[in-house]
Amino acid sequence: MSMTAAQILTAAQALPPQERETLCTKIAESLDAPLTPEEQAWADVAERRAEELRSGKVKGVAAEEVFAKARRRLGL
């Protein structure tokens, strides 16, 4: 017996946030054209970096801090 879209949505909403995020990503990816090798390489890097942030392996830096450092280096 197959599930309706409403049943799938109800089941998906019961998942933990990270699993819902993964599910949404996979569904969105299924709608897109296949990635070029270059796009896939960038997507892999982005996913790896996102996972490093989620896991706490690395700590993010506030945008204001990054821009201030760039302005200092450029002498602005």
C-alpha atoms as a PDB file:
ATOM      1  CA  MET A   1       0.000   0.000   0.000  1.00  0.00           C
ATOM      2  CA  SER A   2       1.459   3.370  -0.974  1.00  0.00           C
ATOM      3  CA  MET A   3       1.298   6.456   1.212  1.00  0.00           C
ATOM      4  CA  THR A   4      -0.402   9.691   0.221  1.00  0.00           C
ATOM      5  CA  ALA A   5       1.506  12.969   0.158  1.00  0.00           C
ATOM      6  CA  ALA A   6      -0.355  14.022   3.320  1.00  0.00           C
ATOM      7  CA  GLN A   7       0.714  10.826   5.114  1.00  0.00           C
ATOM      8  CA  ILE A   8       4.309  11.313   4.005  1.00  0.00           C
ATOM      9  CA  LEU A   9       4.247  14.921   5.217  1.00  0.00           C
ATOM     10  CA  THR A  10       2.874  13.880   8.610  1.00  0.00           C
ATOM     11  CA  ALA A  11       5.569  11.210   8.955  1.00  0.00           C
ATOM     12  CA  ALA A  12       8.293  13.641   7.843  1.00  0.00           C
ATOM     13  CA  GLN A  13       7.191  16.274  10.369  1.00  0.00           C
ATOM     14  CA  ALA A  14       7.728  13.724  13.142  1.00  0.00           C
ATOM     15  CA  LEU A  15      11.420  13.367  12.243  1.00  0.00           C
ATOM     16  CA  PRO A  16      14.183  15.177  14.157  1.00  0.00           C
ATOM     17  CA  PRO A  17      15.185  18.527  12.567  1.00  0.00           C
ATOM     18  CA  GLN A  18      18.428  17.280  11.017  1.00  0.00           C
ATOM     19  CA  GLU A  19      16.676  14.328   9.368  1.00  0.00           C
ATOM     20  CA  ARG A  20      13.970  16.664   8.033  1.00  0.00           C
ATOM     21  CA  GLU A  21      16.691  18.901   6.600  1.00  0.00           C
ATOM     22  CA  THR A  22      18.339  15.932   4.897  1.00  0.00           C
ATOM     23  CA  LEU A  23      14.987  14.759   3.530  1.00  0.00           C
ATOM     24  CA  CYS A  24      14.192  18.230   2.150  1.00  0.00           C
ATOM     25  CA  THR A  25      17.596  18.438   0.511  1.00  0.00           C
ATOM     26  CA  LYS A  26      17.183  15.037  -1.129  1.00  0.00           C
ATOM     27  CA  ILE A  27      13.706  15.914  -2.414  1.00  0.00           C
ATOM     28  CA  ALA A  28      14.929  19.266  -3.781  1.00  0.00           C
ATOM     29  CA  GLU A  29      17.894  17.562  -5.431  1.00  0.00           C
ATOM     30  CA  SER A  30      15.533  15.120  -7.149  1.00  0.00           C
ATOM     31  CA  LEU A  31      13.848  18.074  -8.890  1.00  0.00           C
ATOM     32  CA  ASP A  32      17.073  19.551 -10.240  1.00  0.00           C
ATOM     33  CA  ALA A  33      19.044  18.612 -13.311  1.00  0.00           C
ATOM     34  CA  PRO A  34      22.156  16.566 -12.543  1.00  0.00           C
ATOM     35  CA  LEU A  35      25.094  18.627 -11.328  1.00  0.00           C
ATOM     36  CA  THR A  36      28.175  19.095 -13.445  1.00  0.00           C
ATOM     37  CA  PRO A  37      31.350  17.625 -11.936  1.00  0.00           C
ATOM     38  CA  GLU A  38      32.429  21.123 -10.870  1.00  0.00           C
ATOM     39  CA  GLU A  39      29.064  21.852  -9.240  1.00  0.00           C
ATOM     40  CA  GLN A  40      29.166  18.508  -7.460  1.00  0.00           C
ATOM     41  CA  ALA A  41      32.646  19.268  -6.138  1.00  0.00           C
ATOM     42  CA  TRP A  42      31.416  22.589  -4.689  1.00  0.00           C
ATOM     43  CA  ALA A  43      28.294  20.919  -3.287  1.00  0.00           C
ATOM     44  CA  ASP A  44      30.482  18.297  -1.582  1.00  0.00           C
ATOM     45  CA  VAL A  45      32.647  21.011  -0.029  1.00  0.00           C
ATOM     46  CA  ALA A  46      29.585  22.930   1.167  1.00  0.00           C
ATOM     47  CA  GLU A  47      28.012  19.817   2.691  1.00  0.00           C
ATOM     48  CA  ARG A  48      31.274  18.860   4.421  1.00  0.00           C
ATOM     49  CA  ARG A  49      31.638  22.364   5.864  1.00  0.00           C
ATOM     50  CA  ALA A  50      28.007  22.440   6.988  1.00  0.00           C
ATOM     51  CA  GLU A  51      28.470  19.116   8.761  1.00  0.00           C
ATOM     52  CA  GLU A  52      31.643  20.405  10.452  1.00  0.00           C
ATOM     53  CA  LEU A  53      29.632  23.363  11.794  1.00  0.00           C
ATOM     54  CA  ARG A  54      26.689  21.165  12.902  1.00  0.00           C
ATOM     55  CA  SER A  55      28.976  18.709  14.680  1.00  0.00           C
ATOM     56  CA  GLY A  56      30.940  21.445  16.437  1.00  0.00           C
ATOM     57  CA  LYS A  57      34.195  20.374  14.791  1.00  0.00           C
ATOM     58  CA  VAL A  58      34.661  23.964  13.651  1.00  0.00           C
ATOM     59  CA  LYS A  59      33.240  27.222  14.942  1.00  0.00           C
ATOM     60  CA  GLY A  60      31.663  29.822  12.692  1.00  0.00           C
ATOM     61  CA  VAL A  61      32.903  33.397  12.464  1.00  0.00           C
ATOM     62  CA  ALA A  62      30.438  36.291  12.442  1.00  0.00           C
ATOM     63  CA  ALA A  63      30.150  38.057   9.084  1.00  0.00           C
ATOM     64  CA  GLU A  64      30.887  41.422  10.713  1.00  0.00           C
ATOM     65  CA  GLU A  65      34.184  40.030  11.970  1.00  0.00           C
ATOM     66  CA  VAL A  66      35.125  38.639   8.542  1.00  0.00           C
ATOM     67  CA  PHE A  67      34.269  41.896   6.758  1.00  0.00           C
ATOM     68  CA  ALA A  68      36.138  43.999   9.332  1.00  0.00           C
ATOM     69  CA  LYS A  69      39.240  41.845   8.875  1.00  0.00           C
ATOM     70  CA  ALA A  70      38.976  42.148   5.084  1.00  0.00           C
ATOM     71  CA  ARG A  71      38.637  45.947   5.320  1.00  0.00           C
ATOM     72  CA  ARG A  72      41.715  46.134   7.575  1.00  0.00           C
ATOM     73  CA  ARG A  73      43.746  44.054   5.117  1.00  0.00           C
ATOM     74  CA  LEU A  74      42.626  46.251   2.248  1.00  0.00           C
ATOM     75  CA  GLY A  75      43.345  49.415   4.215  1.00  0.00           C
ATOM     76  CA  LEU A  76      39.760  50.630   4.059  1.00  0.00           C
END
